[in-house]
């Protein structure tokens, strides 16, 4: 094995609002049957990176439950293993993770015990497929100190919520601005990095000595003129779900045939924890158009252009349009839902109506609505 993996899954996105009040962003349900972190874990497994550490912190219970067995992603402890690290209070340290660099620093013993020469660092809140070995080969060929995987967004996409990058003709990064007020470039960092393990240990220890805690600000931006930092551009599908609109749109993308083909029918596969549930049941009178309906669901009404996660019950004469219904939701009879996200483990009373209008998403939780 040439690389060890680190997945940063401890942060909280305030832009997710009510959706992250009881779960981490990396634990957000995606495409009916997956969690956001499944994509990073599957990419690690498919790239034959067999030793992976997941750093969790904020609202980590459901995420830790999801990660309680490594078998779903084929991380065997004899070959490497899946390690889940949460902040630990010690005699020397009384802090929770104060940033991405500090999260790595507090678990630096893990890296020091490894023998792999390289480290792949990624976040747990993006939906994509990637062979990290191609990035690693590029990193070695460029003789780079750090390689940043980046993507060029469309002209109408908002780049200001990411780190924006400008590179020269040789792909060396000359400018890196983290979440600018006004983006000067549509090329953004995907939060995926390749770095030599011993160099990462050295940079993280320097950050700790200087009381610096953020990987992007205190390593990438601070050292961009001192270290050889290169960009590796990708063209395939990549989406970060750290806002409500981005989360909604990413799920809706799975209603497009080409996206479903890419993730569900094209190798390598995306893996997730499997529940022993019966297949979805469509009772007489139900009608479903262009929707994803997960296992354990029972449909009695009309579902159009929507995603229904596991164990959803749709009552008689219900109409669901352009909406996302999370796990274990009961919808009473005669409910109308459009342009909404319904929180998991909820019961929507019969004869109620929830509609998000003028492009505004509505999160429905315990029969309360929140415009986002």
Protein backbone atom coordinates (compact mmCIF):
# COMPACT_ATOMS: atom_id res chain seq x y z
CA UNK A 1 0.00 0.00 0.00
CA UNK A 2 1.38 3.36 -1.04
CA UNK A 3 -1.08 5.64 0.75
CA UNK A 4 -3.14 5.93 3.91
CA UNK A 5 -6.48 7.76 3.84
CA UNK A 6 -7.87 10.46 6.13
CA UNK A 7 -11.51 11.54 5.85
CA UNK A 8 -12.37 14.79 7.63
CA UNK A 9 -15.95 14.33 8.82
CA UNK A 10 -16.07 16.36 12.02
CA UNK A 11 -17.24 19.78 10.90
CA UNK A 12 -20.65 21.41 11.04
CA UNK A 13 -22.14 23.41 8.19
CA UNK A 14 -24.36 26.18 9.54
CA UNK A 15 -25.70 26.60 6.00
CA UNK A 16 -27.42 23.21 6.38
CA UNK A 17 -29.63 24.77 9.09
CA UNK A 18 -32.18 22.33 10.62
CA UNK A 19 -30.86 19.39 8.59
CA UNK A 20 -27.71 19.16 10.71
CA UNK A 21 -29.33 19.72 14.10
CA UNK A 22 -29.18 15.97 14.77
CA UNK A 23 -26.53 14.61 12.40
CA UNK A 24 -23.17 15.45 10.89
CA UNK A 25 -23.02 16.66 7.28
CA UNK A 26 -21.12 13.49 6.35
CA UNK A 27 -24.08 11.44 7.62
CA UNK A 28 -26.64 13.21 5.40
CA UNK A 29 -28.71 10.71 3.36
CA UNK A 30 -28.07 10.72 -0.39
CA UNK A 31 -29.93 9.14 -3.34
CA UNK A 32 -32.34 7.01 -1.35
CA UNK A 33 -29.95 4.49 0.19
CA UNK A 34 -26.58 6.14 0.83
CA UNK A 35 -24.87 8.51 3.25
CA UNK A 36 -22.57 11.28 2.04
CA UNK A 37 -19.49 9.62 3.55
CA UNK A 38 -20.14 6.43 1.55
CA UNK A 39 -18.71 8.08 -1.56
CA UNK A 40 -15.34 8.93 0.03
CA UNK A 41 -15.13 5.51 1.70
CA UNK A 42 -15.99 3.71 -1.55
CA UNK A 43 -13.38 5.72 -3.44
CA UNK A 44 -10.78 4.73 -0.85
CA UNK A 45 -11.73 1.06 -1.11
CA UNK A 46 -11.86 1.10 -4.91
CA UNK A 47 -8.44 2.79 -5.01
CA UNK A 48 -7.06 -0.06 -2.84
CA UNK A 49 -6.32 2.29 0.05
CA UNK A 50 -6.96 -0.17 2.85
CA UNK A 51 -6.05 1.87 5.94
CA UNK A 52 -8.43 4.78 6.45
CA UNK A 53 -9.04 7.08 9.43
CA UNK A 54 -12.33 8.98 9.76
CA UNK A 55 -12.15 12.01 12.06
CA UNK A 56 -15.59 12.75 13.54
CA UNK A 57 -16.79 15.33 16.03
CA UNK A 58 -20.03 17.28 15.54
CA UNK A 59 -23.27 15.31 16.13
CA UNK A 60 -21.34 12.12 15.44
CA UNK A 61 -23.70 9.49 16.89
CA UNK A 62 -25.51 8.51 13.69
CA UNK A 63 -22.26 8.74 11.72
CA UNK A 64 -20.45 6.50 14.21
CA UNK A 65 -23.33 4.01 14.07
CA UNK A 66 -23.05 3.97 10.29
CA UNK A 67 -19.32 3.26 10.57
CA UNK A 68 -19.58 0.58 13.26
CA UNK A 69 -18.47 -2.13 10.84
CA UNK A 70 -15.83 -1.82 8.15
CA UNK A 71 -17.10 -4.81 6.17
CA UNK A 72 -19.52 -2.75 4.04
CA UNK A 73 -16.56 -1.01 2.36
CA UNK A 74 -14.22 -4.02 2.56
CA UNK A 75 -11.67 -2.60 4.98
CA UNK A 76 -10.23 -5.66 6.67
CA UNK A 77 -8.11 -5.06 9.75
CA UNK A 78 -5.57 -7.65 8.57
CA UNK A 79 -4.96 -5.56 5.47
CA UNK A 80 -5.28 -2.14 7.10
CA UNK A 81 -8.62 -1.24 8.62
CA UNK A 82 -11.17 1.52 9.13
CA UNK A 83 -10.45 3.68 12.19
CA UNK A 84 -12.90 6.18 13.64
CA UNK A 85 -11.36 8.88 15.82
CA UNK A 86 -13.25 11.38 17.97
CA UNK A 87 -11.69 14.16 20.10
CA UNK A 88 -10.10 12.75 23.25
CA UNK A 89 -9.38 14.73 26.40
CA UNK A 90 -5.90 13.96 27.70
CA UNK A 91 -3.54 15.38 30.29
CA UNK A 92 -1.85 17.41 27.52
CA UNK A 93 -4.95 18.43 25.58
CA UNK A 94 -8.37 19.61 26.70
CA UNK A 95 -9.71 20.84 23.37
CA UNK A 96 -12.15 19.55 20.81
CA UNK A 97 -10.93 19.83 17.23
CA UNK A 98 -10.33 23.53 16.61
CA UNK A 99 -9.90 23.09 12.86
CA UNK A 100 -8.90 20.59 10.19
CA UNK A 101 -5.18 20.81 10.94
CA UNK A 102 -5.83 20.46 14.67
CA UNK A 103 -7.98 17.38 14.01
CA UNK A 104 -5.03 15.75 12.25
CA UNK A 105 -2.65 16.92 14.99
CA UNK A 106 -4.72 15.36 17.76
CA UNK A 107 -4.50 12.03 15.91
CA UNK A 108 -0.92 12.39 14.75
CA UNK A 109 0.10 9.14 16.46
CA UNK A 110 -1.99 7.30 13.86
CA UNK A 111 0.10 8.77 11.04
CA UNK A 112 3.37 8.18 12.90
CA UNK A 113 2.51 4.49 13.32
CA UNK A 114 1.79 4.09 9.60
CA UNK A 115 4.41 3.02 7.07
CA UNK A 116 2.74 4.19 3.86
CA UNK A 117 4.73 7.00 2.19
CA UNK A 118 1.72 9.11 1.13
CA UNK A 119 -1.53 10.41 2.61
CA UNK A 120 -4.82 11.05 0.78
CA UNK A 121 -6.92 13.64 2.67
CA UNK A 122 -10.54 14.18 1.71
CA UNK A 123 -13.78 15.47 3.21
CA UNK A 124 -16.88 13.41 3.91
CA UNK A 125 -19.45 15.81 2.43
CA UNK A 126 -18.97 15.44 -1.34
CA UNK A 127 -20.60 13.14 -3.90
CA UNK A 128 -18.19 11.89 -6.56
CA UNK A 129 -16.20 8.96 -7.93
CA UNK A 130 -12.42 9.06 -8.13
CA UNK A 131 -9.42 6.79 -8.49
CA UNK A 132 -7.01 8.35 -6.01
CA UNK A 133 -4.14 6.41 -7.60
CA UNK A 134 -4.34 8.64 -10.68
CA UNK A 135 -3.92 11.70 -8.45
CA UNK A 136 -1.03 9.99 -6.65
CA UNK A 137 0.74 9.21 -9.95
CA UNK A 138 0.29 12.84 -11.02
CA UNK A 139 1.64 14.02 -7.65
CA UNK A 140 4.75 11.86 -8.02
CA UNK A 141 5.30 12.86 -11.67
CA UNK A 142 5.11 16.57 -10.77
CA UNK A 143 7.42 16.06 -7.77
CA UNK A 144 4.88 18.11 -5.86
CA UNK A 145 4.89 18.81 -2.15
CA UNK A 146 1.09 18.95 -2.10
CA UNK A 147 -1.46 18.21 -4.83
CA UNK A 148 -4.94 19.75 -4.63
CA UNK A 149 -7.76 18.16 -6.63
CA UNK A 150 -9.78 20.94 -8.23
CA UNK A 151 -12.74 21.39 -10.54
CA UNK A 152 -13.86 24.19 -12.82
CA UNK A 153 -17.44 25.18 -12.07
CA UNK A 154 -19.90 26.43 -14.65
CA UNK A 155 -20.21 30.20 -15.22
CA UNK A 156 -23.51 30.34 -13.32
CA UNK A 157 -22.34 28.30 -10.32
CA UNK A 158 -21.39 29.98 -7.04
CA UNK A 159 -17.66 29.50 -6.44
CA UNK A 160 -17.53 31.80 -3.41
CA UNK A 161 -18.46 29.02 -0.97
CA UNK A 162 -15.28 27.12 -1.89
CA UNK A 163 -11.58 27.83 -1.96
CA UNK A 164 -10.82 29.35 -5.37
CA UNK A 165 -7.60 28.63 -7.24
CA UNK A 166 -5.51 30.19 -9.99
CA UNK A 167 -2.76 28.11 -11.62
CA UNK A 168 -0.02 28.75 -14.15
CA UNK A 169 0.54 26.76 -17.35
CA UNK A 170 2.35 23.98 -15.48
CA UNK A 171 -0.65 23.62 -13.09
CA UNK A 172 1.26 25.03 -10.12
CA UNK A 173 -1.08 26.95 -7.81
CA UNK A 174 -0.20 30.66 -7.69
CA UNK A 175 -3.27 32.00 -5.90
CA UNK A 176 -5.54 30.33 -3.35
CA UNK A 177 -8.36 32.27 -1.72
CA UNK A 178 -10.61 30.58 0.82
CA UNK A 179 -14.33 31.39 0.43
CA UNK A 180 -13.87 34.85 -1.10
CA UNK A 181 -16.58 37.50 -0.97
CA UNK A 182 -16.36 37.72 -4.77
CA UNK A 183 -14.81 34.78 -6.62
CA UNK A 184 -12.09 35.75 -9.11
CA UNK A 185 -11.86 32.21 -10.47
CA UNK A 186 -14.33 29.41 -11.21
CA UNK A 187 -11.70 26.77 -10.43
CA UNK A 188 -12.33 25.52 -6.89
CA UNK A 189 -10.67 23.13 -4.49
CA UNK A 190 -12.62 19.92 -3.93
CA UNK A 191 -11.03 19.40 -0.50
CA UNK A 192 -9.00 16.40 -1.72
CA UNK A 193 -5.24 16.53 -1.13
CA UNK A 194 -2.20 14.30 -1.66
CA UNK A 195 0.92 14.83 0.44
CA UNK A 196 3.90 12.81 1.59
CA UNK A 197 3.22 11.42 5.06
CA UNK A 198 6.40 12.67 6.73
CA UNK A 199 5.96 16.13 5.26
CA UNK A 200 2.37 16.25 6.51
CA UNK A 201 3.54 15.34 10.02
CA UNK A 202 6.16 18.10 9.88
CA UNK A 203 3.69 20.75 8.64
CA UNK A 204 1.03 19.78 11.17
CA UNK A 205 3.54 19.95 14.04
CA UNK A 206 4.65 23.41 12.88
CA UNK A 207 1.02 24.55 12.84
CA UNK A 208 0.55 23.32 16.40
CA UNK A 209 3.70 25.13 17.56
CA UNK A 210 2.37 28.38 16.04
CA UNK A 211 -1.11 27.82 17.47
CA UNK A 212 -2.60 27.50 13.99
CA UNK A 213 -5.42 25.06 13.34
CA UNK A 214 -6.75 25.22 9.77
CA UNK A 215 -5.32 23.09 6.96
CA UNK A 216 -6.31 25.42 4.11
CA UNK A 217 -5.44 28.77 5.68
CA UNK A 218 -2.40 27.72 7.69
CA UNK A 219 -0.81 25.24 5.28
CA UNK A 220 -2.05 25.60 1.69
CA UNK A 221 -2.33 29.39 1.62
CA UNK A 222 0.53 30.10 4.00
CA UNK A 223 3.00 27.85 2.16
CA UNK A 224 1.83 28.32 -1.45
CA UNK A 225 4.98 30.28 -2.36
CA UNK A 226 7.33 28.10 -0.33
CA UNK A 227 6.09 24.63 -1.29
CA UNK A 228 5.38 23.18 -4.72
CA UNK A 229 1.58 22.97 -4.61
CA UNK A 230 -0.05 21.73 -7.82
CA UNK A 231 -3.64 21.39 -8.97
CA UNK A 232 -5.16 18.26 -10.50
CA UNK A 233 -8.30 19.10 -12.49
CA UNK A 234 -11.23 16.69 -12.74
CA UNK A 235 -14.11 16.79 -15.22
CA UNK A 236 -16.40 14.07 -13.87
CA UNK A 237 -19.38 14.66 -11.59
CA UNK A 238 -18.52 16.24 -8.23
CA UNK A 239 -20.88 17.99 -5.84
CA UNK A 240 -20.47 19.32 -2.31
CA UNK A 241 -23.64 19.19 -0.16
CA UNK A 242 -22.75 21.77 2.49
CA UNK A 243 -25.78 24.04 1.86
CA UNK A 244 -29.49 23.23 1.78
CA UNK A 245 -29.80 24.13 -1.91
CA UNK A 246 -26.69 22.10 -2.80
CA UNK A 247 -28.00 19.13 -0.83
CA UNK A 248 -31.39 19.35 -2.54
CA UNK A 249 -29.88 19.72 -6.02
CA UNK A 250 -27.39 16.89 -5.52
CA UNK A 251 -30.20 14.49 -4.63
CA UNK A 252 -32.30 15.73 -7.54
CA UNK A 253 -29.37 15.09 -9.88
CA UNK A 254 -29.90 11.37 -9.26
CA UNK A 255 -33.22 11.65 -11.09
CA UNK A 256 -31.21 12.31 -14.27
CA UNK A 257 -30.56 9.09 -16.23
CA UNK A 258 -26.90 9.94 -16.93
CA UNK A 259 -26.13 10.51 -13.23
CA UNK A 260 -27.85 7.26 -12.19
CA UNK A 261 -25.94 5.43 -14.92
CA UNK A 262 -22.63 6.88 -13.73
CA UNK A 263 -23.07 6.06 -10.04
CA UNK A 264 -25.27 2.94 -10.04
CA UNK A 265 -24.37 1.01 -13.22
CA UNK A 266 -20.79 2.01 -14.03
CA UNK A 267 -17.88 0.36 -12.27
CA UNK A 268 -16.47 0.85 -9.72
CA UNK A 269 -19.48 0.69 -7.43
CA UNK A 270 -20.51 2.85 -4.48
CA UNK A 271 -20.99 0.83 -1.27
CA UNK A 272 -23.07 1.47 1.81
CA UNK A 273 -24.34 -0.19 4.96
CA UNK A 274 -27.17 -2.52 3.95
CA UNK A 275 -30.43 -2.82 5.89
CA UNK A 276 -32.52 -6.01 5.81
CA UNK A 277 -35.72 -4.42 4.53
CA UNK A 278 -38.39 -5.72 2.13
CA UNK A 279 -38.59 -4.18 -1.35
CA UNK A 280 -40.74 -1.10 -1.88
CA UNK A 281 -44.47 -1.85 -2.20
CA UNK A 282 -46.80 -0.02 -4.59
CA UNK A 283 -50.44 -0.50 -3.64
CA UNK A 284 -53.37 -0.24 -6.11
CA UNK A 285 -54.04 3.40 -6.98
CA UNK A 286 -50.46 4.55 -6.44
CA UNK A 287 -48.60 6.37 -9.20
CA UNK A 288 -44.85 7.02 -9.31
CA UNK A 289 -43.04 9.06 -11.99
CA UNK A 290 -39.31 9.72 -12.31
CA UNK A 291 -38.56 9.05 -8.64
CA UNK A 292 -36.26 6.98 -6.46
CA UNK A 293 -38.07 4.91 -3.83
CA UNK A 294 -35.91 3.05 -1.33
CA UNK A 295 -36.56 -0.34 0.24
CA UNK A 296 -39.06 -0.71 3.06
CA UNK A 297 -41.35 1.98 1.62
CA UNK A 298 -45.10 1.63 1.01
CA UNK A 299 -46.73 3.89 -1.58
CA UNK A 300 -50.48 4.56 -1.75
CA UNK A 301 -50.50 8.03 -3.35
CA UNK A 302 -48.78 9.97 -6.15
CA UNK A 303 -45.02 10.57 -6.23
CA UNK A 304 -43.41 12.71 -8.94
CA UNK A 305 -39.78 13.82 -9.39
CA UNK A 306 -38.96 12.96 -5.78
CA UNK A 307 -36.63 10.85 -3.68
CA UNK A 308 -38.08 8.69 -0.90
CA UNK A 309 -35.60 7.15 1.51
CA UNK A 310 -35.99 3.92 3.48
CA UNK A 311 -39.19 3.01 5.33
CA UNK A 312 -41.36 5.84 3.98
CA UNK A 313 -45.13 5.38 4.18
CA UNK A 314 -47.23 7.44 1.78
CA UNK A 315 -50.95 7.51 2.67
CA UNK A 316 -54.02 7.49 0.43
CA UNK A 317 -54.51 10.44 -1.93
CA UNK A 318 -51.11 11.92 -1.00
CA UNK A 319 -49.26 13.98 -3.59
CA UNK A 320 -45.47 14.42 -3.38
CA UNK A 321 -43.72 16.54 -6.02
CA UNK A 322 -40.09 17.67 -6.36
CA UNK A 323 -39.37 16.71 -2.75
CA UNK A 324 -37.00 14.67 -0.60
CA UNK A 325 -38.51 12.47 2.11
CA UNK A 326 -35.85 11.18 4.50
CA UNK A 327 -35.80 7.86 6.37
CA UNK A 328 -38.71 6.45 8.36
CA UNK A 329 -41.37 9.08 7.60
CA UNK A 330 -45.13 8.47 7.87
CA UNK A 331 -47.32 10.65 5.65
CA UNK A 332 -51.01 10.60 6.58
CA UNK A 333 -53.86 10.61 4.03
CA UNK A 334 -54.48 13.61 1.76
CA UNK A 335 -51.08 15.24 2.39
CA UNK A 336 -49.68 17.55 -0.30
CA UNK A 337 -45.92 18.20 -0.36
CA UNK A 338 -44.02 20.12 -3.04
CA UNK A 339 -40.44 21.52 -3.12
CA UNK A 340 -39.79 20.30 0.44
CA UNK A 341 -37.33 18.24 2.46
CA UNK A 342 -39.10 16.19 5.15
CA UNK A 343 -36.90 15.30 8.12
CA UNK A 344 -36.40 11.67 9.11
CA UNK A 345 -38.46 9.79 11.72
CA UNK A 346 -41.32 12.21 11.34
CA UNK A 347 -45.10 11.90 11.11
CA UNK A 348 -46.95 14.33 8.85
CA UNK A 349 -50.56 14.72 9.91
CA UNK A 350 -53.35 13.92 7.46
CA UNK A 351 -54.94 16.73 5.41
CA UNK A 352 -51.91 19.03 5.64
CA UNK A 353 -50.11 20.96 2.91
CA UNK A 354 -46.48 22.08 2.64
CA UNK A 355 -45.20 23.94 -0.42
CA UNK A 356 -41.92 25.71 -1.04
CA UNK A 357 -42.55 28.59 -3.43
CA UNK A 358 -40.41 30.92 -5.55
CA UNK A 359 -37.36 28.68 -5.34
CA UNK A 360 -37.41 28.58 -1.52
CA UNK A 361 -36.88 25.14 0.01
CA UNK A 362 -38.94 24.17 3.04
CA UNK A 363 -37.74 21.72 5.66
CA UNK A 364 -40.63 19.99 7.39
CA UNK A 365 -39.94 18.63 10.88
CA UNK A 366 -42.53 17.57 13.47
CA UNK A 367 -45.22 19.38 11.45
CA UNK A 368 -43.22 22.60 11.70
CA UNK A 369 -41.95 24.26 8.54
CA UNK A 370 -38.70 26.19 8.12
CA UNK A 371 -38.10 28.27 4.99
CA UNK A 372 -34.46 28.07 3.98
